[in-house]
């Protein structure tokens, strides 16, 4: 393999940095809110109540938040760029963040090791720092909005 020049390495580095800053975008789903509302009305009631509450926090971030199902989960978006999602499992709920790896998480709530995404695992009966999780949701919304404004979407 040929040797790369410092200029080529810099160009490659800039290219990969730009990819890391890109947003995950979704095509609008015409079923949007109806599909999400149906999903959020599922059973077991205890877990779906948790999911509804935290998905509502995403929706409360701004009038520009759109909702749809993606990979079978309610997903909040701004101008098509995914902010976060909720998902229900047998014994817990995940509140996920598409740009979670770049969010400030002083309470260390976020789990995961992927390049971009992180989630918070909520188990019924276990304490959750509501203020910290709400702050992460707001931060994720603001992060996506700022990336859109900077042309990094």
C-alpha atoms as a PDB file:
ATOM      1  CA  UNK A   1       0.000   0.000   0.000  1.00  0.00           C
ATOM      2  CA  UNK A   2       1.444   3.423  -0.920  1.00  0.00           C
ATOM      3  CA  UNK A   3       2.558   5.831   1.778  1.00  0.00           C
ATOM      4  CA  UNK A   4       0.080   8.657   2.521  1.00  0.00           C
ATOM      5  CA  UNK A   5       1.193  12.253   2.698  1.00  0.00           C
ATOM      6  CA  UNK A   6       0.407  14.491   5.692  1.00  0.00           C
ATOM      7  CA  UNK A   7      -2.085  16.363   3.482  1.00  0.00           C
ATOM      8  CA  UNK A   8      -3.894  13.122   2.619  1.00  0.00           C
ATOM      9  CA  UNK A   9      -4.001  12.082   6.284  1.00  0.00           C
ATOM     10  CA  UNK A  10      -5.439  15.494   7.214  1.00  0.00           C
ATOM     11  CA  UNK A  11      -8.068  15.185   4.471  1.00  0.00           C
ATOM     12  CA  UNK A  12      -8.992  11.672   5.642  1.00  0.00           C
ATOM     13  CA  UNK A  13      -9.194  12.873   9.239  1.00  0.00           C
ATOM     14  CA  UNK A  14     -11.484  15.769   8.259  1.00  0.00           C
ATOM     15  CA  UNK A  15     -13.665  13.431   6.206  1.00  0.00           C
ATOM     16  CA  UNK A  16     -14.181  11.006   9.111  1.00  0.00           C
ATOM     17  CA  UNK A  17     -14.734  13.847  11.590  1.00  0.00           C
ATOM     18  CA  UNK A  18     -17.475  15.214   9.318  1.00  0.00           C
ATOM     19  CA  UNK A  19     -19.114  11.796   9.160  1.00  0.00           C
ATOM     20  CA  UNK A  20     -19.060  11.542  12.947  1.00  0.00           C
ATOM     21  CA  UNK A  21     -20.867  14.882  13.190  1.00  0.00           C
ATOM     22  CA  UNK A  22     -23.587  13.930  10.711  1.00  0.00           C
ATOM     23  CA  UNK A  23     -27.131  13.410  11.889  1.00  0.00           C
ATOM     24  CA  UNK A  24     -29.262  10.332  11.427  1.00  0.00           C
ATOM     25  CA  UNK A  25     -32.218  11.406   9.307  1.00  0.00           C
ATOM     26  CA  UNK A  26     -35.517   9.679   8.656  1.00  0.00           C
ATOM     27  CA  UNK A  27     -38.055  10.030   5.889  1.00  0.00           C
ATOM     28  CA  UNK A  28     -41.336  11.316   7.352  1.00  0.00           C
ATOM     29  CA  UNK A  29     -43.892   8.584   7.999  1.00  0.00           C
ATOM     30  CA  UNK A  30     -47.462   9.598   7.094  1.00  0.00           C
ATOM     31  CA  UNK A  31     -48.753   7.393   9.948  1.00  0.00           C
ATOM     32  CA  UNK A  32     -46.514   9.331  12.396  1.00  0.00           C
ATOM     33  CA  UNK A  33     -48.500  10.300  15.453  1.00  0.00           C
ATOM     34  CA  UNK A  34     -51.180   7.619  15.060  1.00  0.00           C
ATOM     35  CA  UNK A  35     -48.609   4.820  14.893  1.00  0.00           C
ATOM     36  CA  UNK A  36     -46.728   6.229  17.883  1.00  0.00           C
ATOM     37  CA  UNK A  37     -49.889   6.626  19.969  1.00  0.00           C
ATOM     38  CA  UNK A  38     -50.894   3.041  19.192  1.00  0.00           C
ATOM     39  CA  UNK A  39     -47.432   1.774  20.171  1.00  0.00           C
ATOM     40  CA  UNK A  40     -47.425   3.769  23.419  1.00  0.00           C
ATOM     41  CA  UNK A  41     -50.764   2.245  24.449  1.00  0.00           C
ATOM     42  CA  UNK A  42     -49.231  -1.220  24.708  1.00  0.00           C
ATOM     43  CA  UNK A  43     -48.994  -3.663  27.590  1.00  0.00           C
ATOM     44  CA  UNK A  44     -47.584  -4.205  30.188  1.00  0.00           C
ATOM     45  CA  UNK A  45     -49.088  -0.966  31.386  1.00  0.00           C
ATOM     46  CA  UNK A  46     -46.310  -0.246  33.919  1.00  0.00           C
ATOM     47  CA  UNK A  47     -43.549  -0.244  31.292  1.00  0.00           C
ATOM     48  CA  UNK A  48     -45.525   1.620  28.626  1.00  0.00           C
ATOM     49  CA  UNK A  49     -46.479   4.294  31.162  1.00  0.00           C
ATOM     50  CA  UNK A  50     -42.760   4.927  31.718  1.00  0.00           C
ATOM     51  CA  UNK A  51     -42.154   5.001  27.961  1.00  0.00           C
ATOM     52  CA  UNK A  52     -45.064   7.431  27.394  1.00  0.00           C
ATOM     53  CA  UNK A  53     -43.818   9.769  30.103  1.00  0.00           C
ATOM     54  CA  UNK A  54     -40.270  10.014  28.760  1.00  0.00           C
ATOM     55  CA  UNK A  55     -41.299  10.152  25.107  1.00  0.00           C
ATOM     56  CA  UNK A  56     -43.523  13.061  26.084  1.00  0.00           C
ATOM     57  CA  UNK A  57     -40.419  14.846  27.366  1.00  0.00           C
ATOM     58  CA  UNK A  58     -38.897  14.625  23.874  1.00  0.00           C
ATOM     59  CA  UNK A  59     -42.123  16.002  22.387  1.00  0.00           C
ATOM     60  CA  UNK A  60     -42.183  18.872  24.889  1.00  0.00           C
ATOM     61  CA  UNK A  61     -38.795  20.153  23.677  1.00  0.00           C
ATOM     62  CA  UNK A  62     -40.300  22.298  20.947  1.00  0.00           C
ATOM     63  CA  UNK A  63     -43.138  22.813  18.492  1.00  0.00           C
ATOM     64  CA  UNK A  64     -40.864  21.528  15.730  1.00  0.00           C
ATOM     65  CA  UNK A  65     -40.556  18.001  17.167  1.00  0.00           C
ATOM     66  CA  UNK A  66     -41.987  15.359  14.839  1.00  0.00           C
ATOM     67  CA  UNK A  67     -42.747  11.779  15.848  1.00  0.00           C
ATOM     68  CA  UNK A  68     -42.728   8.493  14.009  1.00  0.00           C
ATOM     69  CA  UNK A  69     -41.925   4.830  14.424  1.00  0.00           C
ATOM     70  CA  UNK A  70     -38.418   3.804  13.422  1.00  0.00           C
ATOM     71  CA  UNK A  71     -37.282   0.203  13.796  1.00  0.00           C
ATOM     72  CA  UNK A  72     -40.523  -0.375  15.688  1.00  0.00           C
ATOM     73  CA  UNK A  73     -39.877   2.331  18.313  1.00  0.00           C
ATOM     74  CA  UNK A  74     -41.338   5.806  18.835  1.00  0.00           C
ATOM     75  CA  UNK A  75     -38.718   8.253  17.621  1.00  0.00           C
ATOM     76  CA  UNK A  76     -38.604  12.031  18.050  1.00  0.00           C
ATOM     77  CA  UNK A  77     -37.115  14.082  15.209  1.00  0.00           C
ATOM     78  CA  UNK A  78     -36.519  17.692  14.203  1.00  0.00           C
ATOM     79  CA  UNK A  79     -36.707  18.364  10.468  1.00  0.00           C
ATOM     80  CA  UNK A  80     -36.191  14.654   9.909  1.00  0.00           C
ATOM     81  CA  UNK A  81     -33.105  14.380  12.135  1.00  0.00           C
ATOM     82  CA  UNK A  82     -33.572  11.794  14.879  1.00  0.00           C
ATOM     83  CA  UNK A  83     -33.178  13.064  18.453  1.00  0.00           C
ATOM     84  CA  UNK A  84     -34.190  10.114  20.590  1.00  0.00           C
ATOM     85  CA  UNK A  85     -36.463   7.142  21.069  1.00  0.00           C
ATOM     86  CA  UNK A  86     -38.069   4.926  23.667  1.00  0.00           C
ATOM     87  CA  UNK A  87     -38.248   1.149  23.616  1.00  0.00           C
ATOM     88  CA  UNK A  88     -39.900  -1.333  25.956  1.00  0.00           C
ATOM     89  CA  UNK A  89     -38.322  -4.663  26.851  1.00  0.00           C
ATOM     90  CA  UNK A  90     -39.549  -7.445  29.137  1.00  0.00           C
ATOM     91  CA  UNK A  91     -38.428  -5.771  32.369  1.00  0.00           C
ATOM     92  CA  UNK A  92     -37.143  -2.308  31.469  1.00  0.00           C
ATOM     93  CA  UNK A  93     -37.499   0.726  29.213  1.00  0.00           C
ATOM     94  CA  UNK A  94     -34.698   2.338  27.229  1.00  0.00           C
ATOM     95  CA  UNK A  95     -34.633   6.050  26.548  1.00  0.00           C
ATOM     96  CA  UNK A  96     -32.220   6.391  23.658  1.00  0.00           C
ATOM     97  CA  UNK A  97     -30.261   9.252  22.147  1.00  0.00           C
ATOM     98  CA  UNK A  98     -29.021   9.319  18.559  1.00  0.00           C
ATOM     99  CA  UNK A  99     -26.212  11.769  19.420  1.00  0.00           C
ATOM    100  CA  UNK A 100     -25.738  10.386  22.931  1.00  0.00           C
ATOM    101  CA  UNK A 101     -21.983   9.908  22.638  1.00  0.00           C
ATOM    102  CA  UNK A 102     -21.539  13.671  22.315  1.00  0.00           C
ATOM    103  CA  UNK A 103     -23.877  14.685  25.159  1.00  0.00           C
ATOM    104  CA  UNK A 104     -22.585  15.996  28.469  1.00  0.00           C
ATOM    105  CA  UNK A 105     -23.668  13.425  31.081  1.00  0.00           C
ATOM    106  CA  UNK A 106     -22.489  14.618  34.520  1.00  0.00           C
ATOM    107  CA  UNK A 107     -24.658  12.057  36.328  1.00  0.00           C
ATOM    108  CA  UNK A 108     -23.322   9.165  34.182  1.00  0.00           C
ATOM    109  CA  UNK A 109     -26.793   7.943  33.196  1.00  0.00           C
ATOM    110  CA  UNK A 110     -25.914   7.036  29.614  1.00  0.00           C
ATOM    111  CA  UNK A 111     -25.003   3.477  28.708  1.00  0.00           C
ATOM    112  CA  UNK A 112     -23.483   2.112  25.521  1.00  0.00           C
ATOM    113  CA  UNK A 113     -20.219   2.155  23.654  1.00  0.00           C
ATOM    114  CA  UNK A 114     -21.214   2.844  20.040  1.00  0.00           C
ATOM    115  CA  UNK A 115     -19.820   5.698  17.968  1.00  0.00           C
ATOM    116  CA  UNK A 116     -22.944   7.836  18.346  1.00  0.00           C
ATOM    117  CA  UNK A 117     -25.868   6.343  20.217  1.00  0.00           C
ATOM    118  CA  UNK A 118     -26.383   5.938  23.965  1.00  0.00           C
ATOM    119  CA  UNK A 119     -29.361   5.007  26.123  1.00  0.00           C
ATOM    120  CA  UNK A 120     -30.624   5.212  29.674  1.00  0.00           C
ATOM    121  CA  UNK A 121     -32.084   2.007  31.099  1.00  0.00           C
ATOM    122  CA  UNK A 122     -35.130   2.492  33.324  1.00  0.00           C
ATOM    123  CA  UNK A 123     -36.346  -0.351  35.528  1.00  0.00           C
ATOM    124  CA  UNK A 124     -39.697  -0.067  37.350  1.00  0.00           C
ATOM    125  CA  UNK A 125     -39.166   0.434  41.068  1.00  0.00           C
ATOM    126  CA  UNK A 126     -35.579   1.686  40.658  1.00  0.00           C
ATOM    127  CA  UNK A 127     -34.860   5.355  41.262  1.00  0.00           C
ATOM    128  CA  UNK A 128     -34.112   7.573  38.300  1.00  0.00           C
ATOM    129  CA  UNK A 129     -32.692  11.067  38.396  1.00  0.00           C
ATOM    130  CA  UNK A 130     -35.608  12.800  36.643  1.00  0.00           C
ATOM    131  CA  UNK A 131     -33.825  16.145  36.416  1.00  0.00           C
ATOM    132  CA  UNK A 132     -30.697  14.640  34.890  1.00  0.00           C
ATOM    133  CA  UNK A 133     -32.632  12.566  32.348  1.00  0.00           C
ATOM    134  CA  UNK A 134     -34.810  15.551  31.445  1.00  0.00           C
ATOM    135  CA  UNK A 135     -31.627  17.595  30.973  1.00  0.00           C
ATOM    136  CA  UNK A 136     -30.207  14.919  28.638  1.00  0.00           C
ATOM    137  CA  UNK A 137     -33.383  15.019  26.544  1.00  0.00           C
ATOM    138  CA  UNK A 138     -33.234  18.814  26.304  1.00  0.00           C
ATOM    139  CA  UNK A 139     -29.526  18.669  25.513  1.00  0.00           C
ATOM    140  CA  UNK A 140     -30.111  16.096  22.745  1.00  0.00           C
ATOM    141  CA  UNK A 141     -32.767  18.344  21.185  1.00  0.00           C
ATOM    142  CA  UNK A 142     -30.485  21.378  21.368  1.00  0.00           C
ATOM    143  CA  UNK A 143     -27.557  19.361  19.992  1.00  0.00           C
ATOM    144  CA  UNK A 144     -29.510  18.291  16.914  1.00  0.00           C
ATOM    145  CA  UNK A 145     -30.844  21.822  16.385  1.00  0.00           C
ATOM    146  CA  UNK A 146     -27.348  23.318  16.624  1.00  0.00           C
ATOM    147  CA  UNK A 147     -25.912  20.775  14.186  1.00  0.00           C
ATOM    148  CA  UNK A 148     -28.688  21.587  11.733  1.00  0.00           C
ATOM    149  CA  UNK A 149     -27.942  25.293  12.098  1.00  0.00           C
ATOM    150  CA  UNK A 150     -24.227  24.754  11.534  1.00  0.00           C
ATOM    151  CA  UNK A 151     -24.774  22.719   8.381  1.00  0.00           C
ATOM    152  CA  UNK A 152     -23.479  19.508   9.945  1.00  0.00           C
ATOM    153  CA  UNK A 153     -26.699  17.637   9.327  1.00  0.00           C
END
